[in-house]
Amino acid sequence: MSDKSRVGAFSDDDLAKTIDRGGFAASVEMQLDVYLQALLIFFGKVTVYFHAMERDLPDGWQDFIG
């Protein structure tokens, strides 16, 4: 199952729910946004490391990042 089909499986009620992470409460949609931002930060940092090591990026990275 792809990530898009997983996210598409959420109903409107599911997306309206609030998740409490110990003092930080956010909707499911906001949590997915935070997750995406964390992934982009991770890929950005790893890209810098790859360039510092003079290595090529893996093939699928450009497609994922855009």
N, C-alpha and C. Protein backbone atom coordinates (compact mmCIF):
# COMPACT_ATOMS: atom_id res chain seq x y z
N MET A 1 0.85 -1.18 0.00
CA MET A 1 0.00 0.00 0.00
C MET A 1 0.89 1.24 0.00
N SER A 2 0.64 2.15 -0.92
CA SER A 2 1.47 3.36 -1.00
C SER A 2 1.02 4.39 0.04
N ASP A 3 1.88 5.37 0.28
CA ASP A 3 1.56 6.42 1.25
C ASP A 3 0.33 7.21 0.83
N LYS A 4 0.19 7.46 -0.47
CA LYS A 4 -0.97 8.22 -0.96
C LYS A 4 -2.26 7.46 -0.69
N SER A 5 -2.26 6.15 -0.90
CA SER A 5 -3.48 5.39 -0.64
C SER A 5 -3.76 5.29 0.85
N ARG A 6 -2.72 5.28 1.67
CA ARG A 6 -2.93 5.28 3.13
C ARG A 6 -3.59 6.58 3.58
N VAL A 7 -3.07 7.70 3.09
CA VAL A 7 -3.63 9.00 3.47
C VAL A 7 -5.04 9.14 2.89
N GLY A 8 -5.25 8.65 1.69
CA GLY A 8 -6.57 8.71 1.07
C GLY A 8 -7.60 7.85 1.79
N ALA A 9 -7.14 6.89 2.58
CA ALA A 9 -8.05 6.01 3.31
C ALA A 9 -8.65 6.69 4.53
N PHE A 10 -8.11 7.84 4.95
CA PHE A 10 -8.66 8.57 6.09
C PHE A 10 -10.00 9.19 5.70
N SER A 11 -10.98 9.07 6.59
CA SER A 11 -12.25 9.75 6.38
C SER A 11 -12.12 11.19 6.87
N ASP A 12 -13.12 12.01 6.58
CA ASP A 12 -13.10 13.40 7.06
C ASP A 12 -13.10 13.44 8.58
N ASP A 13 -13.82 12.50 9.21
CA ASP A 13 -13.84 12.44 10.67
C ASP A 13 -12.45 12.10 11.23
N ASP A 14 -11.75 11.18 10.55
CA ASP A 14 -10.40 10.82 10.98
C ASP A 14 -9.46 12.02 10.92
N LEU A 15 -9.58 12.79 9.85
CA LEU A 15 -8.70 13.95 9.67
C LEU A 15 -9.02 15.07 10.66
N ALA A 16 -10.24 15.08 11.18
CA ALA A 16 -10.64 16.13 12.13
C ALA A 16 -10.22 15.80 13.56
N LYS A 17 -9.82 14.57 13.82
CA LYS A 17 -9.42 14.18 15.18
C LYS A 17 -8.15 14.92 15.60
N THR A 18 -8.00 15.08 16.91
CA THR A 18 -6.82 15.73 17.46
C THR A 18 -5.93 14.68 18.12
N ILE A 19 -4.64 14.78 17.88
CA ILE A 19 -3.66 13.87 18.48
C ILE A 19 -2.87 14.67 19.49
N ASP A 20 -2.80 14.17 20.72
CA ASP A 20 -2.05 14.85 21.78
C ASP A 20 -0.72 14.14 21.96
N ARG A 21 0.35 14.86 21.73
CA ARG A 21 1.71 14.32 21.86
C ARG A 21 2.39 14.85 23.12
N GLY A 22 1.67 14.82 24.23
CA GLY A 22 2.25 15.27 25.49
C GLY A 22 2.50 16.76 25.53
N GLY A 23 1.44 17.53 25.36
CA GLY A 23 1.57 18.98 25.40
C GLY A 23 1.47 19.63 24.04
N PHE A 24 1.59 18.87 22.98
CA PHE A 24 1.45 19.40 21.62
C PHE A 24 0.29 18.68 20.97
N ALA A 25 -0.85 19.34 20.88
CA ALA A 25 -2.04 18.75 20.28
C ALA A 25 -2.22 19.31 18.88
N ALA A 26 -2.42 18.42 17.92
CA ALA A 26 -2.62 18.85 16.54
C ALA A 26 -3.52 17.85 15.83
N SER A 27 -4.13 18.31 14.74
CA SER A 27 -4.98 17.43 13.95
C SER A 27 -4.12 16.42 13.19
N VAL A 28 -4.77 15.39 12.68
CA VAL A 28 -4.06 14.38 11.89
C VAL A 28 -3.41 15.04 10.67
N GLU A 29 -4.14 15.96 10.06
CA GLU A 29 -3.60 16.66 8.89
C GLU A 29 -2.33 17.44 9.25
N MET A 30 -2.34 18.09 10.41
CA MET A 30 -1.16 18.83 10.87
C MET A 30 -0.02 17.87 11.18
N GLN A 31 -0.32 16.72 11.77
CA GLN A 31 0.71 15.72 12.07
C GLN A 31 1.36 15.23 10.78
N LEU A 32 0.56 15.01 9.73
CA LEU A 32 1.13 14.59 8.44
C LEU A 32 2.01 15.69 7.86
N ASP A 33 1.61 16.94 8.03
CA ASP A 33 2.41 18.07 7.57
C ASP A 33 3.75 18.13 8.31
N VAL A 34 3.71 17.93 9.63
CA VAL A 34 4.94 17.92 10.44
C VAL A 34 5.86 16.79 9.99
N TYR A 35 5.27 15.62 9.71
CA TYR A 35 6.04 14.46 9.25
C TYR A 35 6.72 14.77 7.91
N LEU A 36 5.98 15.40 6.99
CA LEU A 36 6.54 15.76 5.70
C LEU A 36 7.70 16.74 5.86
N GLN A 37 7.53 17.73 6.72
CA GLN A 37 8.59 18.71 6.97
C GLN A 37 9.83 18.03 7.54
N ALA A 38 9.62 17.08 8.45
CA ALA A 38 10.76 16.35 9.03
C ALA A 38 11.50 15.55 7.96
N LEU A 39 10.74 14.93 7.05
CA LEU A 39 11.38 14.19 5.95
C LEU A 39 12.20 15.11 5.06
N LEU A 40 11.65 16.27 4.73
CA LEU A 40 12.37 17.21 3.88
C LEU A 40 13.65 17.71 4.55
N ILE A 41 13.59 17.97 5.86
CA ILE A 41 14.79 18.39 6.60
C ILE A 41 15.82 17.27 6.57
N PHE A 42 15.38 16.03 6.79
CA PHE A 42 16.28 14.88 6.77
C PHE A 42 16.95 14.75 5.40
N PHE A 43 16.15 14.79 4.33
CA PHE A 43 16.72 14.65 2.99
C PHE A 43 17.66 15.80 2.66
N GLY A 44 17.35 16.99 3.14
CA GLY A 44 18.24 18.13 2.93
C GLY A 44 19.59 17.91 3.59
N LYS A 45 19.57 17.44 4.83
CA LYS A 45 20.83 17.19 5.55
C LYS A 45 21.63 16.08 4.89
N VAL A 46 20.97 15.01 4.50
CA VAL A 46 21.67 13.89 3.87
C VAL A 46 22.25 14.32 2.52
N THR A 47 21.53 15.18 1.81
CA THR A 47 22.03 15.69 0.53
C THR A 47 23.34 16.45 0.73
N VAL A 48 23.42 17.26 1.78
CA VAL A 48 24.65 18.00 2.08
C VAL A 48 25.79 17.01 2.36
N TYR A 49 25.50 15.96 3.13
CA TYR A 49 26.53 14.96 3.43
C TYR A 49 26.99 14.24 2.16
N PHE A 50 26.05 13.89 1.28
CA PHE A 50 26.44 13.24 0.03
C PHE A 50 27.34 14.15 -0.80
N HIS A 51 26.99 15.43 -0.88
CA HIS A 51 27.83 16.36 -1.64
C HIS A 51 29.21 16.51 -0.99
N ALA A 52 29.27 16.54 0.33
CA ALA A 52 30.55 16.66 1.03
C ALA A 52 31.43 15.44 0.77
N MET A 53 30.81 14.27 0.61
CA MET A 53 31.56 13.04 0.34
C MET A 53 31.78 12.84 -1.15
N GLU A 54 31.32 13.82 -1.97
CA GLU A 54 31.45 13.75 -3.43
C GLU A 54 30.82 12.48 -4.00
N ARG A 55 29.65 12.16 -3.49
CA ARG A 55 28.89 11.00 -3.97
C ARG A 55 27.63 11.48 -4.66
N ASP A 56 27.15 10.69 -5.62
CA ASP A 56 25.90 11.00 -6.30
C ASP A 56 24.72 10.64 -5.40
N LEU A 57 23.64 11.38 -5.58
CA LEU A 57 22.42 11.07 -4.82
C LEU A 57 21.76 9.82 -5.40
N PRO A 58 21.06 9.06 -4.58
CA PRO A 58 20.32 7.90 -5.10
C PRO A 58 19.31 8.34 -6.16
N ASP A 59 18.98 7.44 -7.07
CA ASP A 59 18.15 7.76 -8.23
C ASP A 59 16.78 8.36 -7.89
N GLY A 60 16.07 7.82 -6.93
CA GLY A 60 14.71 8.26 -6.66
C GLY A 60 14.57 9.55 -5.88
N TRP A 61 15.66 10.11 -5.41
CA TRP A 61 15.57 11.28 -4.54
C TRP A 61 15.03 12.50 -5.27
N GLN A 62 15.48 12.75 -6.47
CA GLN A 62 15.01 13.91 -7.21
C GLN A 62 13.50 13.82 -7.45
N ASP A 63 13.02 12.62 -7.75
CA ASP A 63 11.58 12.44 -7.97
C ASP A 63 10.80 12.69 -6.69
N PHE A 64 11.33 12.25 -5.55
CA PHE A 64 10.62 12.41 -4.28
C PHE A 64 10.60 13.85 -3.82
N ILE A 65 11.76 14.51 -3.90
CA ILE A 65 11.87 15.88 -3.38
C ILE A 65 11.23 16.88 -4.34
N GLY A 66 11.40 16.67 -5.63
CA GLY A 66 10.78 17.56 -6.60
C GLY A 66 11.71 18.53 -7.25
